[in-house]
PDB file of N, CA and C in Angstrom:
ATOM      1  N   UNK A   1     -27.638   8.247  83.300  1.00  0.00           N
ATOM      2  CA  UNK A   1     -28.111   9.429  82.727  1.00  0.00           C
ATOM      3  C   UNK A   1     -29.367   9.339  82.393  1.00  0.00           C
ATOM      4  N   UNK A   2     -29.865   9.911  82.055  1.00  0.00           N
ATOM      5  CA  UNK A   2     -31.424   9.800  81.052  1.00  0.00           C
ATOM      6  C   UNK A   2     -31.013  10.514  79.761  1.00  0.00           C
ATOM      7  N   UNK A   3     -32.166   9.794  78.843  1.00  0.00           N
ATOM      8  CA  UNK A   3     -31.959   9.831  77.223  1.00  0.00           C
ATOM      9  C   UNK A   3     -32.628  11.234  77.280  1.00  0.00           C
ATOM     10  N   UNK A   4     -33.137  11.927  77.875  1.00  0.00           N
ATOM     11  CA  UNK A   4     -33.801  13.044  78.055  1.00  0.00           C
ATOM     12  C   UNK A   4     -33.739  14.255  78.569  1.00  0.00           C
ATOM     13  N   UNK A   5     -32.470  15.169  77.390  1.00  0.00           N
ATOM     14  CA  UNK A   5     -31.690  15.740  77.296  1.00  0.00           C
ATOM     15  C   UNK A   5     -31.837  17.175  76.488  1.00  0.00           C
ATOM     16  N   UNK A   6     -31.253  18.428  76.864  1.00  0.00           N
ATOM     17  CA  UNK A   6     -31.923  19.448  76.494  1.00  0.00           C
ATOM     18  C   UNK A   6     -30.860  20.245  76.045  1.00  0.00           C
ATOM     19  N   UNK A   7     -30.533  20.902  75.004  1.00  0.00           N
ATOM     20  CA  UNK A   7     -29.402  21.838  74.351  1.00  0.00           C
ATOM     21  C   UNK A   7     -29.009  23.009  75.175  1.00  0.00           C
ATOM     22  N   UNK A   8     -28.212  23.082  75.825  1.00  0.00           N
ATOM     23  CA  UNK A   8     -27.690  24.774  76.406  1.00  0.00           C
ATOM     24  C   UNK A   8     -27.094  25.558  75.486  1.00  0.00           C
ATOM     25  N   UNK A   9     -26.990  25.388  74.885  1.00  0.00           N
ATOM     26  CA  UNK A   9     -26.193  26.162  73.661  1.00  0.00           C
ATOM     27  C   UNK A   9     -24.678  25.440  73.400  1.00  0.00           C
ATOM     28  N   UNK A  10     -24.170  27.153  72.936  1.00  0.00           N
ATOM     29  CA  UNK A  10     -22.382  26.386  72.862  1.00  0.00           C
ATOM     30  C   UNK A  10     -21.609  26.432  73.907  1.00  0.00           C
ATOM     31  N   UNK A  11     -20.362  25.995  73.813  1.00  0.00           N
ATOM     32  CA  UNK A  11     -19.449  26.212  74.644  1.00  0.00           C
ATOM     33  C   UNK A  11     -18.833  27.803  74.634  1.00  0.00           C
ATOM     34  N   UNK A  12     -18.432  28.476  75.185  1.00  0.00           N
ATOM     35  CA  UNK A  12     -17.917  30.046  75.262  1.00  0.00           C
ATOM     36  C   UNK A  12     -16.971  30.391  74.375  1.00  0.00           C
ATOM     37  N   UNK A  13     -15.765  28.869  74.698  1.00  0.00           N
ATOM     38  CA  UNK A  13     -14.409  28.968  74.462  1.00  0.00           C
ATOM     39  C   UNK A  13     -13.923  28.094  72.891  1.00  0.00           C
ATOM     40  N   UNK A  14     -15.193  27.478  72.994  1.00  0.00           N
ATOM     41  CA  UNK A  14     -14.844  26.144  72.017  1.00  0.00           C
ATOM     42  C   UNK A  14     -16.316  25.901  71.009  1.00  0.00           C
ATOM     43  N   UNK A  15     -16.646  27.540  70.354  1.00  0.00           N
ATOM     44  CA  UNK A  15     -18.235  27.626  69.751  1.00  0.00           C
ATOM     45  C   UNK A  15     -18.603  26.167  69.127  1.00  0.00           C
ATOM     46  N   UNK A  16     -17.985  25.369  68.673  1.00  0.00           N
ATOM     47  CA  UNK A  16     -18.099  23.775  67.671  1.00  0.00           C
ATOM     48  C   UNK A  16     -18.450  23.060  68.399  1.00  0.00           C
ATOM     49  N   UNK A  17     -18.443  23.010  69.995  1.00  0.00           N
ATOM     50  CA  UNK A  17     -18.905  22.131  71.215  1.00  0.00           C
ATOM     51  C   UNK A  17     -20.521  22.655  71.637  1.00  0.00           C
ATOM     52  N   UNK A  18     -21.273  22.050  71.237  1.00  0.00           N
ATOM     53  CA  UNK A  18     -22.802  22.039  71.866  1.00  0.00           C
ATOM     54  C   UNK A  18     -22.358  21.188  73.500  1.00  0.00           C
ATOM     55  N   UNK A  19     -23.368  22.121  74.106  1.00  0.00           N
ATOM     56  CA  UNK A  19     -23.527  21.792  75.780  1.00  0.00           C
ATOM     57  C   UNK A  19     -24.588  21.448  75.789  1.00  0.00           C
ATOM     58  N   UNK A  20     -25.259  20.373  76.775  1.00  0.00           N
ATOM     59  CA  UNK A  20     -26.743  19.644  76.774  1.00  0.00           C
ATOM     60  C   UNK A  20     -27.116  19.773  78.455  1.00  0.00           C
ATOM     61  N   UNK A  21     -27.809  19.541  79.037  1.00  0.00           N
ATOM     62  CA  UNK A  21     -28.712  19.113  80.469  1.00  0.00           C
ATOM     63  C   UNK A  21     -29.412  18.150  80.503  1.00  0.00           C
ATOM     64  N   UNK A  22     -29.166  17.454  81.453  1.00  0.00           N
ATOM     65  CA  UNK A  22     -29.921  16.165  81.566  1.00  0.00           C
ATOM     66  C   UNK A  22     -30.955  16.412  82.329  1.00  0.00           C
ATOM     67  N   UNK A  23     -32.265  16.032  81.661  1.00  0.00           N
ATOM     68  CA  UNK A  23     -33.588  15.857  82.372  1.00  0.00           C
ATOM     69  C   UNK A  23     -33.554  15.603  83.846  1.00  0.00           C
ATOM     70  N   UNK A  24     -32.582  14.459  83.917  1.00  0.00           N
ATOM     71  CA  UNK A  24     -33.030  13.313  84.983  1.00  0.00           C
ATOM     72  C   UNK A  24     -32.850  13.475  86.249  1.00  0.00           C
ATOM     73  N   UNK A  25     -30.836  14.136  85.553  1.00  0.00           N
ATOM     74  CA  UNK A  25     -30.094  14.472  86.968  1.00  0.00           C
ATOM     75  C   UNK A  25     -29.377  15.850  86.879  1.00  0.00           C
ATOM     76  N   UNK A  26     -30.145  16.538  86.074  1.00  0.00           N
ATOM     77  CA  UNK A  26     -30.315  18.171  86.197  1.00  0.00           C
ATOM     78  C   UNK A  26     -28.521  18.424  85.942  1.00  0.00           C
ATOM     79  N   UNK A  27     -27.353  17.013  85.471  1.00  0.00           N
ATOM     80  CA  UNK A  27     -26.403  17.436  84.936  1.00  0.00           C
ATOM     81  C   UNK A  27     -25.953  18.132  83.704  1.00  0.00           C
ATOM     82  N   UNK A  28     -24.893  19.067  83.653  1.00  0.00           N
ATOM     83  CA  UNK A  28     -24.717  19.421  82.565  1.00  0.00           C
ATOM     84  C   UNK A  28     -23.093  18.633  81.588  1.00  0.00           C
ATOM     85  N   UNK A  29     -23.276  18.210  80.517  1.00  0.00           N
ATOM     86  CA  UNK A  29     -22.044  18.221  79.639  1.00  0.00           C
ATOM     87  C   UNK A  29     -21.835  18.410  78.562  1.00  0.00           C
ATOM     88  N   UNK A  30     -21.232  18.272  77.380  1.00  0.00           N
ATOM     89  CA  UNK A  30     -20.876  18.494  76.119  1.00  0.00           C
ATOM     90  C   UNK A  30     -20.302  17.212  75.369  1.00  0.00           C
ATOM     91  N   UNK A  31     -20.369  17.533  74.033  1.00  0.00           N
ATOM     92  CA  UNK A  31     -19.893  16.489  73.052  1.00  0.00           C
ATOM     93  C   UNK A  31     -18.820  15.566  73.354  1.00  0.00           C
ATOM     94  N   UNK A  32     -17.685  15.882  74.065  1.00  0.00           N
ATOM     95  CA  UNK A  32     -16.720  15.486  74.282  1.00  0.00           C
ATOM     96  C   UNK A  32     -16.675  14.553  76.022  1.00  0.00           C
ATOM     97  N   UNK A  33     -17.991  14.671  76.524  1.00  0.00           N
ATOM     98  CA  UNK A  33     -17.984  14.250  77.777  1.00  0.00           C
ATOM     99  C   UNK A  33     -17.499  12.769  77.830  1.00  0.00           C
ATOM    100  N   UNK A  34     -16.835  12.159  79.011  1.00  0.00           N
ATOM    101  CA  UNK A  34     -16.637  10.603  78.468  1.00  0.00           C
ATOM    102  C   UNK A  34     -16.193  10.013  77.355  1.00  0.00           C
ATOM    103  N   UNK A  35     -15.165  11.162  76.653  1.00  0.00           N
ATOM    104  CA  UNK A  35     -14.344  10.440  75.776  1.00  0.00           C
ATOM    105  C   UNK A  35     -12.599  11.188  75.813  1.00  0.00           C
ATOM    106  N   UNK A  36     -11.868  10.219  75.223  1.00  0.00           N
ATOM    107  CA  UNK A  36     -10.168  10.712  75.688  1.00  0.00           C
ATOM    108  C   UNK A  36     -10.465  12.046  75.527  1.00  0.00           C
ATOM    109  N   UNK A  37     -11.025  13.315  75.243  1.00  0.00           N
ATOM    110  CA  UNK A  37     -10.980  14.458  75.327  1.00  0.00           C
ATOM    111  C   UNK A  37     -11.256  15.017  76.108  1.00  0.00           C
ATOM    112  N   UNK A  38     -12.066  14.524  76.808  1.00  0.00           N
ATOM    113  CA  UNK A  38     -13.119  15.487  77.825  1.00  0.00           C
ATOM    114  C   UNK A  38     -11.862  16.185  79.144  1.00  0.00           C
ATOM    115  N   UNK A  39     -12.310  17.405  79.015  1.00  0.00           N
ATOM    116  CA  UNK A  39     -11.494  18.202  79.896  1.00  0.00           C
ATOM    117  C   UNK A  39     -10.511  18.673  79.357  1.00  0.00           C
ATOM    118  N   UNK A  40     -10.350  18.636  78.023  1.00  0.00           N
ATOM    119  CA  UNK A  40      -9.017  18.964  77.461  1.00  0.00           C
ATOM    120  C   UNK A  40      -9.258  20.629  77.225  1.00  0.00           C
ATOM    121  N   UNK A  41      -8.398  21.277  77.306  1.00  0.00           N
ATOM    122  CA  UNK A  41      -8.423  22.630  77.033  1.00  0.00           C
ATOM    123  C   UNK A  41      -8.406  23.255  75.582  1.00  0.00           C
ATOM    124  N   UNK A  42      -7.558  22.449  74.672  1.00  0.00           N
ATOM    125  CA  UNK A  42      -7.120  22.367  73.336  1.00  0.00           C
ATOM    126  C   UNK A  42      -8.238  22.154  72.779  1.00  0.00           C
ATOM    127  N   UNK A  43      -8.336  22.883  71.311  1.00  0.00           N
ATOM    128  CA  UNK A  43      -9.726  22.510  70.771  1.00  0.00           C
ATOM    129  C   UNK A  43      -9.788  20.915  70.082  1.00  0.00           C
ATOM    130  N   UNK A  44     -10.708  20.412  69.747  1.00  0.00           N
ATOM    131  CA  UNK A  44     -11.082  19.023  69.170  1.00  0.00           C
ATOM    132  C   UNK A  44      -9.824  19.220  67.731  1.00  0.00           C
ATOM    133  N   UNK A  45      -9.944  20.527  67.231  1.00  0.00           N
ATOM    134  CA  UNK A  45      -8.918  19.765  65.705  1.00  0.00           C
ATOM    135  C   UNK A  45      -7.468  19.787  66.114  1.00  0.00           C
ATOM    136  N   UNK A  46      -6.822  20.550  66.973  1.00  0.00           N
ATOM    137  CA  UNK A  46      -5.583  20.354  67.526  1.00  0.00           C
ATOM    138  C   UNK A  46      -5.146  19.064  68.015  1.00  0.00           C
ATOM    139  N   UNK A  47      -6.244  18.389  68.777  1.00  0.00           N
ATOM    140  CA  UNK A  47      -6.132  16.767  69.238  1.00  0.00           C
ATOM    141  C   UNK A  47      -5.811  15.940  67.907  1.00  0.00           C
ATOM    142  N   UNK A  48      -6.870  16.225  66.891  1.00  0.00           N
ATOM    143  CA  UNK A  48      -6.949  15.416  65.929  1.00  0.00           C
ATOM    144  C   UNK A  48      -5.268  15.459  64.775  1.00  0.00           C
ATOM    145  N   UNK A  49      -5.333  16.816  64.920  1.00  0.00           N
ATOM    146  CA  UNK A  49      -3.952  17.191  64.266  1.00  0.00           C
ATOM    147  C   UNK A  49      -3.067  16.462  65.143  1.00  0.00           C
ATOM    148  N   UNK A  50      -3.100  16.532  66.275  1.00  0.00           N
ATOM    149  CA  UNK A  50      -1.553  16.099  66.936  1.00  0.00           C
ATOM    150  C   UNK A  50      -1.832  14.596  66.507  1.00  0.00           C
ATOM    151  N   UNK A  51      -3.196  13.661  66.480  1.00  0.00           N
ATOM    152  CA  UNK A  51      -3.102  12.521  66.521  1.00  0.00           C
ATOM    153  C   UNK A  51      -2.298  12.184  65.377  1.00  0.00           C
ATOM    154  N   UNK A  52      -2.566  13.309  64.168  1.00  0.00           N
ATOM    155  CA  UNK A  52      -2.115  12.614  63.071  1.00  0.00           C
ATOM    156  C   UNK A  52      -0.521  13.064  62.790  1.00  0.00           C
ATOM    157  N   UNK A  53      -0.027  14.047  63.279  1.00  0.00           N
ATOM    158  CA  UNK A  53       0.903  13.838  63.088  1.00  0.00           C
ATOM    159  C   UNK A  53       2.064  12.836  64.266  1.00  0.00           C
ATOM    160  N   UNK A  54       1.258  12.426  65.220  1.00  0.00           N
ATOM    161  CA  UNK A  54       2.131  11.229  66.148  1.00  0.00           C
ATOM    162  C   UNK A  54       2.056  10.131  65.151  1.00  0.00           C
ATOM    163  N   UNK A  55       1.199   9.964  64.273  1.00  0.00           N
ATOM    164  CA  UNK A  55       1.097   8.884  62.753  1.00  0.00           C
ATOM    165  C   UNK A  55       2.132   9.366  62.129  1.00  0.00           C
ATOM    166  N   UNK A  56       3.007  10.307  62.046  1.00  0.00           N
ATOM    167  CA  UNK A  56       3.813  10.250  60.957  1.00  0.00           C
ATOM    168  C   UNK A  56       5.171   9.953  61.971  1.00  0.00           C
ATOM    169  N   UNK A  57       4.797   9.819  63.007  1.00  0.00           N
ATOM    170  CA  UNK A  57       6.202   9.245  63.644  1.00  0.00           C
ATOM    171  C   UNK A  57       7.081  10.814  64.067  1.00  0.00           C
ATOM    172  N   UNK A  58       6.389  11.955  63.918  1.00  0.00           N
ATOM    173  CA  UNK A  58       6.958  13.520  64.785  1.00  0.00           C
ATOM    174  C   UNK A  58       7.334  13.310  66.068  1.00  0.00           C
ATOM    175  N   UNK A  59       8.161  13.683  66.890  1.00  0.00           N
ATOM    176  CA  UNK A  59       8.503  13.447  68.082  1.00  0.00           C
ATOM    177  C   UNK A  59       7.454  15.089  68.549  1.00  0.00           C
ATOM    178  N   UNK A  60       7.198  15.134  69.971  1.00  0.00           N
ATOM    179  CA  UNK A  60       6.786  15.316  70.998  1.00  0.00           C
ATOM    180  C   UNK A  60       7.194  17.032  70.741  1.00  0.00           C
ATOM    181  N   UNK A  61       8.707  17.064  70.657  1.00  0.00           N
ATOM    182  CA  UNK A  61       8.909  18.712  70.440  1.00  0.00           C
ATOM    183  C   UNK A  61       8.663  19.195  68.855  1.00  0.00           C
ATOM    184  N   UNK A  62       8.542  18.143  68.157  1.00  0.00           N
ATOM    185  CA  UNK A  62       8.140  18.648  66.423  1.00  0.00           C
ATOM    186  C   UNK A  62       6.614  19.031  66.860  1.00  0.00           C
ATOM    187  N   UNK A  63       5.935  18.417  67.440  1.00  0.00           N
ATOM    188  CA  UNK A  63       4.294  18.559  67.666  1.00  0.00           C
ATOM    189  C   UNK A  63       4.153  20.059  68.153  1.00  0.00           C
ATOM    190  N   UNK A  64       5.115  20.083  69.337  1.00  0.00           N
ATOM    191  CA  UNK A  64       4.844  21.437  69.949  1.00  0.00           C
ATOM    192  C   UNK A  64       5.510  22.624  69.101  1.00  0.00           C
ATOM    193  N   UNK A  65       6.374  22.553  68.609  1.00  0.00           N
ATOM    194  CA  UNK A  65       6.281  23.713  67.588  1.00  0.00           C
ATOM    195  C   UNK A  65       5.542  23.642  66.668  1.00  0.00           C
ATOM    196  N   UNK A  66       4.804  23.087  65.933  1.00  0.00           N
ATOM    197  CA  UNK A  66       3.799  22.592  65.112  1.00  0.00           C
ATOM    198  C   UNK A  66       2.584  23.675  65.235  1.00  0.00           C
ATOM    199  N   UNK A  67       2.316  23.478  66.512  1.00  0.00           N
ATOM    200  CA  UNK A  67       1.309  24.177  67.594  1.00  0.00           C
ATOM    201  C   UNK A  67       1.615  24.927  68.133  1.00  0.00           C
ATOM    202  N   UNK A  68       2.763  25.372  68.037  1.00  0.00           N
ATOM    203  CA  UNK A  68       3.310  26.737  68.983  1.00  0.00           C
ATOM    204  C   UNK A  68       2.821  26.538  70.452  1.00  0.00           C
ATOM    205  N   UNK A  69       2.848  25.279  70.988  1.00  0.00           N
ATOM    206  CA  UNK A  69       2.213  24.780  72.273  1.00  0.00           C
ATOM    207  C   UNK A  69       3.533  24.778  73.032  1.00  0.00           C
ATOM    208  N   UNK A  70       3.257  24.300  74.639  1.00  0.00           N
ATOM    209  CA  UNK A  70       4.275  24.263  75.962  1.00  0.00           C
ATOM    210  C   UNK A  70       4.947  22.802  75.353  1.00  0.00           C
ATOM    211  N   UNK A  71       6.101  22.323  75.265  1.00  0.00           N
ATOM    212  CA  UNK A  71       6.303  20.651  75.185  1.00  0.00           C
ATOM    213  C   UNK A  71       5.901  19.841  76.116  1.00  0.00           C
ATOM    214  N   UNK A  72       5.163  20.410  77.471  1.00  0.00           N
ATOM    215  CA  UNK A  72       4.655  19.783  78.545  1.00  0.00           C
ATOM    216  C   UNK A  72       3.505  19.242  78.102  1.00  0.00           C
ATOM    217  N   UNK A  73       2.786  20.308  77.921  1.00  0.00           N
ATOM    218  CA  UNK A  73       1.613  20.295  77.007  1.00  0.00           C
ATOM    219  C   UNK A  73       1.300  19.250  75.917  1.00  0.00           C
ATOM    220  N   UNK A  74       1.854  19.231  74.948  1.00  0.00           N
ATOM    221  CA  UNK A  74       2.111  18.199  74.144  1.00  0.00           C
ATOM    222  C   UNK A  74       2.484  16.617  74.572  1.00  0.00           C
ATOM    223  N   UNK A  75       3.217  17.043  75.406  1.00  0.00           N
ATOM    224  CA  UNK A  75       3.775  15.620  76.450  1.00  0.00           C
ATOM    225  C   UNK A  75       2.679  15.021  76.706  1.00  0.00           C
ATOM    226  N   UNK A  76       1.902  15.496  77.706  1.00  0.00           N
ATOM    227  CA  UNK A  76       0.538  15.070  78.336  1.00  0.00           C
ATOM    228  C   UNK A  76      -0.569  14.935  77.226  1.00  0.00           C
ATOM    229  N   UNK A  77      -0.669  15.361  76.296  1.00  0.00           N
ATOM    230  CA  UNK A  77      -1.806  15.516  74.838  1.00  0.00           C
ATOM    231  C   UNK A  77      -1.114  13.837  74.168  1.00  0.00           C
ATOM    232  N   UNK A  78      -0.403  13.588  73.971  1.00  0.00           N
ATOM    233  CA  UNK A  78       0.470  12.635  73.313  1.00  0.00           C
ATOM    234  C   UNK A  78      -0.065  11.211  74.081  1.00  0.00           C
ATOM    235  N   UNK A  79       0.686  11.163  75.440  1.00  0.00           N
ATOM    236  CA  UNK A  79       0.400  10.319  75.840  1.00  0.00           C
ATOM    237  C   UNK A  79      -1.262   9.627  76.888  1.00  0.00           C
ATOM    238  N   UNK A  80      -1.573  11.126  76.809  1.00  0.00           N
ATOM    239  CA  UNK A  80      -3.822  10.440  76.901  1.00  0.00           C
ATOM    240  C   UNK A  80      -4.076   9.941  75.412  1.00  0.00           C
ATOM    241  N   UNK A  81      -3.356  10.341  74.465  1.00  0.00           N
ATOM    242  CA  UNK A  81      -3.770   9.510  73.489  1.00  0.00           C
ATOM    243  C   UNK A  81      -3.393   8.313  72.934  1.00  0.00           C
ATOM    244  N   UNK A  82      -2.164   8.094  73.351  1.00  0.00           N
ATOM    245  CA  UNK A  82      -1.580   6.629  73.791  1.00  0.00           C
ATOM    246  C   UNK A  82      -2.279   5.462  74.501  1.00  0.00           C
ATOM    247  N   UNK A  83      -2.669   6.200  75.769  1.00  0.00           N
ATOM    248  CA  UNK A  83      -3.146   5.224  76.937  1.00  0.00           C
ATOM    249  C   UNK A  83      -4.784   4.877  76.155  1.00  0.00           C
ATOM    250  N   UNK A  84      -5.164   5.877  75.530  1.00  0.00           N
ATOM    251  CA  UNK A  84      -6.385   5.742  75.356  1.00  0.00           C
ATOM    252  C   UNK A  84      -6.484   4.430  74.096  1.00  0.00           C
ATOM    253  N   UNK A  85      -5.649   4.378  73.089  1.00  0.00           N
ATOM    254  CA  UNK A  85      -5.532   3.792  71.660  1.00  0.00           C
ATOM    255  C   UNK A  85      -5.131   2.437  72.479  1.00  0.00           C
ATOM    256  N   UNK A  86      -4.256   2.429  73.516  1.00  0.00           N
ATOM    257  CA  UNK A  86      -4.128   0.642  74.276  1.00  0.00           C
ATOM    258  C   UNK A  86      -5.075   0.480  75.048  1.00  0.00           C
ATOM    259  N   UNK A  87      -5.775   1.115  75.643  1.00  0.00           N
ATOM    260  CA  UNK A  87      -6.741   0.741  76.541  1.00  0.00           C
ATOM    261  C   UNK A  87      -7.544   0.118  75.800  1.00  0.00           C
ATOM    262  N   UNK A  88      -8.022   0.302  73.990  1.00  0.00           N
ATOM    263  CA  UNK A  88      -8.820   0.180  73.515  1.00  0.00           C
ATOM    264  C   UNK A  88      -8.555  -1.326  72.749  1.00  0.00           C
ATOM    265  N   UNK A  89      -7.433  -1.390  72.438  1.00  0.00           N
ATOM    266  CA  UNK A  89      -6.266  -2.384  72.238  1.00  0.00           C
ATOM    267  C   UNK A  89      -7.337  -3.898  72.591  1.00  0.00           C
ATOM    268  N   UNK A  90      -7.778  -4.896  71.558  1.00  0.00           N
ATOM    269  CA  UNK A  90      -8.461  -5.815  72.228  1.00  0.00           C
ATOM    270  C   UNK A  90      -7.257  -7.268  72.704  1.00  0.00           C
ATOM    271  N   UNK A  91      -7.422  -7.885  73.364  1.00  0.00           N
ATOM    272  CA  UNK A  91      -6.686  -8.977  74.145  1.00  0.00           C
ATOM    273  C   UNK A  91      -6.414  -9.568  73.047  1.00  0.00           C
ATOM    274  N   UNK A  92      -5.063 -10.070  73.078  1.00  0.00           N
ATOM    275  CA  UNK A  92      -4.620 -10.832  72.058  1.00  0.00           C
ATOM    276  C   UNK A  92      -4.446 -12.315  72.682  1.00  0.00           C
ATOM    277  N   UNK A  93      -4.837 -13.841  71.666  1.00  0.00           N
ATOM    278  CA  UNK A  93      -4.952 -14.715  72.457  1.00  0.00           C
ATOM    279  C   UNK A  93      -4.929 -15.826  70.689  1.00  0.00           C
ATOM    280  N   UNK A  94      -3.442 -16.277  71.750  1.00  0.00           N
ATOM    281  CA  UNK A  94      -3.231 -17.132  70.557  1.00  0.00           C
ATOM    282  C   UNK A  94      -4.146 -18.062  70.524  1.00  0.00           C
ATOM    283  N   UNK A  95      -4.165 -19.082  69.387  1.00  0.00           N
ATOM    284  CA  UNK A  95      -4.534 -20.861  69.726  1.00  0.00           C
ATOM    285  C   UNK A  95      -4.467 -21.170  68.335  1.00  0.00           C
ATOM    286  N   UNK A  96      -4.299 -22.617  68.484  1.00  0.00           N
ATOM    287  CA  UNK A  96      -4.030 -23.360  67.193  1.00  0.00           C
ATOM    288  C   UNK A  96      -2.713 -23.246  67.324  1.00  0.00           C
ATOM    289  N   UNK A  97      -2.293 -23.475  65.556  1.00  0.00           N
ATOM    290  CA  UNK A  97      -0.786 -23.793  65.355  1.00  0.00           C
ATOM    291  C   UNK A  97      -0.085 -22.164  64.951  1.00  0.00           C
ATOM    292  N   UNK A  98       0.751 -22.057  65.906  1.00  0.00           N
ATOM    293  CA  UNK A  98       1.282 -20.455  65.438  1.00  0.00           C
ATOM    294  C   UNK A  98       2.902 -20.362  65.046  1.00  0.00           C
ATOM    295  N   UNK A  99       2.733 -19.586  64.237  1.00  0.00           N
ATOM    296  CA  UNK A  99       4.472 -19.971  63.213  1.00  0.00           C
ATOM    297  C   UNK A  99       5.083 -18.568  63.631  1.00  0.00           C
ATOM    298  N   UNK A 100       6.578 -18.734  63.956  1.00  0.00           N
ATOM    299  CA  UNK A 100       7.397 -17.867  64.181  1.00  0.00           C
ATOM    300  C   UNK A 100       8.834 -17.779  63.477  1.00  0.00           C
ATOM    301  N   UNK A 101       8.634 -16.633  62.404  1.00  0.00           N
ATOM    302  CA  UNK A 101      10.100 -16.804  61.564  1.00  0.00           C
ATOM    303  C   UNK A 101      11.190 -16.236  62.150  1.00  0.00           C
ATOM    304  N   UNK A 102      12.361 -16.441  61.872  1.00  0.00           N
ATOM    305  CA  UNK A 102      13.484 -15.803  62.432  1.00  0.00           C
ATOM    306  C   UNK A 102      14.141 -15.176  62.100  1.00  0.00           C
ATOM    307  N   UNK A 103      14.537 -13.684  62.498  1.00  0.00           N
ATOM    308  CA  UNK A 103      15.011 -12.829  61.642  1.00  0.00           C
ATOM    309  C   UNK A 103      16.141 -12.594  62.250  1.00  0.00           C
ATOM    310  N   UNK A 104      17.277 -12.432  60.880  1.00  0.00           N
ATOM    311  CA  UNK A 104      18.751 -12.124  61.241  1.00  0.00           C
ATOM    312  C   UNK A 104      19.658 -10.996  60.811  1.00  0.00           C
ATOM    313  N   UNK A 105      19.692  -9.978  61.758  1.00  0.00           N
ATOM    314  CA  UNK A 105      19.557  -9.033  61.329  1.00  0.00           C
ATOM    315  C   UNK A 105      21.500  -8.922  61.000  1.00  0.00           C
ATOM    316  N   UNK A 106      22.396  -8.460  60.319  1.00  0.00           N
ATOM    317  CA  UNK A 106      23.371  -8.421  59.716  1.00  0.00           C
ATOM    318  C   UNK A 106      24.146  -7.027  60.536  1.00  0.00           C
ATOM    319  N   UNK A 107      25.051  -6.379  61.520  1.00  0.00           N
ATOM    320  CA  UNK A 107      25.481  -5.064  61.899  1.00  0.00           C
ATOM    321  C   UNK A 107      26.776  -5.160  62.069  1.00  0.00           C
ATOM    322  N   UNK A 108      27.471  -4.199  61.814  1.00  0.00           N
ATOM    323  CA  UNK A 108      28.633  -3.526  61.909  1.00  0.00           C
ATOM    324  C   UNK A 108      29.902  -4.565  61.597  1.00  0.00           C
ATOM    325  N   UNK A 109      29.541  -5.801  60.686  1.00  0.00           N
ATOM    326  CA  UNK A 109      30.585  -6.513  59.542  1.00  0.00           C
ATOM    327  C   UNK A 109      30.952  -5.863  58.489  1.00  0.00           C
ATOM    328  N   UNK A 110      31.081  -4.597  58.439  1.00  0.00           N
ATOM    329  CA  UNK A 110      32.124  -4.206  56.920  1.00  0.00           C
ATOM    330  C   UNK A 110      32.704  -4.394  56.491  1.00  0.00           C
ATOM    331  N   UNK A 111      33.373  -4.750  55.194  1.00  0.00           N
ATOM    332  CA  UNK A 111      34.362  -5.163  54.544  1.00  0.00           C
ATOM    333  C   UNK A 111      34.778  -6.846  55.304  1.00  0.00           C
ATOM    334  N   UNK A 112      34.158  -7.506  56.014  1.00  0.00           N
ATOM    335  CA  UNK A 112      34.501  -8.630  56.174  1.00  0.00           C
ATOM    336  C   UNK A 112      33.203  -9.755  56.379  1.00  0.00           C
ATOM    337  N   UNK A 113      32.898 -10.125  54.953  1.00  0.00           N
ATOM    338  CA  UNK A 113      32.135 -11.197  54.170  1.00  0.00           C
ATOM    339  C   UNK A 113      31.848 -12.251  55.263  1.00  0.00           C
ATOM    340  N   UNK A 114      33.336 -12.796  55.506  1.00  0.00           N
ATOM    341  CA  UNK A 114      33.197 -13.862  56.752  1.00  0.00           C
ATOM    342  C   UNK A 114      32.739 -14.046  57.974  1.00  0.00           C
ATOM    343  N   UNK A 115      32.239 -13.027  58.626  1.00  0.00           N
ATOM    344  CA  UNK A 115      32.293 -12.822  59.652  1.00  0.00           C
ATOM    345  C   UNK A 115      30.773 -12.862  59.718  1.00  0.00           C
ATOM    346  N   UNK A 116      29.821 -12.754  58.462  1.00  0.00           N
ATOM    347  CA  UNK A 116      28.502 -12.640  58.379  1.00  0.00           C
ATOM    348  C   UNK A 116      27.963 -14.132  57.666  1.00  0.00           C
ATOM    349  N   UNK A 117      28.557 -14.734  57.532  1.00  0.00           N
ATOM    350  CA  UNK A 117      28.313 -15.986  56.729  1.00  0.00           C
ATOM    351  C   UNK A 117      27.574 -16.957  58.030  1.00  0.00           C
ATOM    352  N   UNK A 118      26.593 -17.712  56.939  1.00  0.00           N
ATOM    353  CA  UNK A 118      25.320 -18.301  57.682  1.00  0.00           C
ATOM    354  C   UNK A 118      26.199 -19.520  57.771  1.00  0.00           C
ATOM    355  N   UNK A 119      25.955 -19.578  59.533  1.00  0.00           N
ATOM    356  CA  UNK A 119      26.396 -21.062  59.886  1.00  0.00           C
ATOM    357  C   UNK A 119      25.497 -22.020  60.371  1.00  0.00           C
ATOM    358  N   UNK A 120      26.444 -23.222  59.831  1.00  0.00           N
ATOM    359  CA  UNK A 120      25.321 -24.242  59.935  1.00  0.00           C
ATOM    360  C   UNK A 120      24.647 -24.448  60.959  1.00  0.00           C
TER     361      UNK A 120
END
């Protein structure tokens, strides 16, 4: 793609999106081309709000009710956002000395303190 582009007005359905045309290849694109939001039908503000609600651990059903959207559409949106985040995560490589602490969680021993005593 060439660095030489011209503005081609605003998007008809989402006026906050600018459209462009590449003078080199004559292709059209917009602000969201090649992003996680590319080809989406929901406005960008809905995607950002959806991401915020995901960070609050709301379920897809709760998010769909918040936006009055189909739950399957919200499922696709959240899956697309999760995949994008996972794809951007760096590879983890442990080096040198690594420590790992032991965690012991007691569950299901009500009124029986002898059952949860630490064993030697």
